Amino acid sequence: RVALPELSARDVLWRFHFFLGAGVPTVARKKMIDSFCQQGSIDTSEMLEELVAFGAAGLLAPSRTATPEVS
């Protein structure tokens, strides 16, 4: 919340929830993801870089709410 003061608490909650929803299965199912890759195993650091880029884009997207909540 400190890093994203333009977002409401609800915005941060949903964005973090969706980030975890994407991140946990990705990390937990690396072997399955590797099986879909046609070039062998996916590098773990590459996977985490992609996940962080995805999460950051979601967290930094403009707010859909009119005004942030005052805490």
Protein backbone atom coordinates (compact mmCIF):
# COMPACT_ATOMS: atom_id res chain seq x y z
CA ARG A 1 0.00 0.00 0.00
CA VAL A 2 2.87 2.39 0.72
CA ALA A 3 4.40 1.77 -2.71
CA LEU A 4 1.05 2.20 -4.52
CA PRO A 5 -0.73 5.10 -2.77
CA GLU A 6 -2.83 5.82 -5.86
CA LEU A 7 -4.59 2.47 -5.45
CA SER A 8 -7.36 1.70 -3.02
CA ALA A 9 -6.92 -1.07 -0.46
CA ARG A 10 -9.41 -3.11 -2.49
CA ASP A 11 -7.37 -2.63 -5.69
CA VAL A 12 -4.21 -3.82 -3.94
CA LEU A 13 -6.05 -6.80 -2.43
CA TRP A 14 -7.38 -7.99 -5.80
CA ARG A 15 -4.12 -7.44 -7.63
CA PHE A 16 -2.10 -9.30 -5.03
CA HIS A 17 -4.69 -12.10 -5.00
CA PHE A 18 -4.45 -12.49 -8.79
CA PHE A 19 -0.64 -12.33 -8.69
CA LEU A 20 -0.56 -15.17 -6.16
CA GLY A 21 -3.12 -17.05 -8.24
CA ALA A 22 -0.77 -16.92 -11.21
CA GLY A 23 2.49 -17.33 -9.31
CA VAL A 24 1.89 -20.25 -6.99
CA PRO A 25 0.77 -22.72 -9.69
CA THR A 26 3.55 -21.55 -12.01
CA VAL A 27 6.26 -22.27 -9.47
CA ALA A 28 4.61 -25.45 -8.19
CA ARG A 29 4.11 -26.90 -11.67
CA LYS A 30 7.48 -26.13 -13.26
CA LYS A 31 7.88 -29.74 -14.42
CA MET A 32 4.55 -29.56 -16.25
CA ILE A 33 5.55 -26.27 -17.89
CA ASP A 34 8.87 -27.86 -18.89
CA SER A 35 6.95 -30.66 -20.62
CA PHE A 36 5.18 -28.08 -22.84
CA CYS A 37 8.44 -26.36 -23.75
CA GLN A 38 9.82 -27.62 -27.06
CA GLN A 39 13.38 -26.56 -26.23
CA GLY A 40 13.93 -28.52 -23.03
CA SER A 41 13.69 -27.31 -19.46
CA ILE A 42 12.77 -23.70 -18.73
CA ASP A 43 15.37 -21.85 -16.69
CA THR A 44 14.00 -21.12 -13.20
CA SER A 45 15.44 -17.59 -13.13
CA GLU A 46 13.81 -16.85 -16.51
CA MET A 47 10.49 -18.16 -15.20
CA LEU A 48 10.71 -15.93 -12.12
CA GLU A 49 11.69 -12.88 -14.21
CA GLU A 50 8.62 -13.41 -16.40
CA LEU A 51 6.40 -13.87 -13.34
CA VAL A 52 7.71 -10.68 -11.72
CA ALA A 53 7.22 -8.72 -14.97
CA PHE A 54 3.65 -10.02 -15.20
CA GLY A 55 2.91 -9.18 -11.56
CA ALA A 56 4.46 -5.73 -11.78
CA ALA A 57 2.37 -4.87 -14.84
CA GLY A 58 -0.77 -5.84 -12.96
CA LEU A 59 0.17 -3.94 -9.81
CA LEU A 60 1.17 -0.81 -11.73
CA ALA A 61 -1.90 -0.67 -13.98
CA PRO A 62 -4.07 2.44 -13.54
CA SER A 63 -6.76 2.21 -10.89
CA ARG A 64 -10.29 1.43 -12.01
CA THR A 65 -11.76 3.07 -8.90
CA ALA A 66 -12.48 6.78 -8.75
CA THR A 67 -10.43 7.67 -5.66
CA PRO A 68 -8.11 5.81 -3.29
CA GLU A 69 -9.32 4.97 0.19
CA VAL A 70 -7.97 7.06 3.05
CA SER A 71 -6.44 4.95 5.78
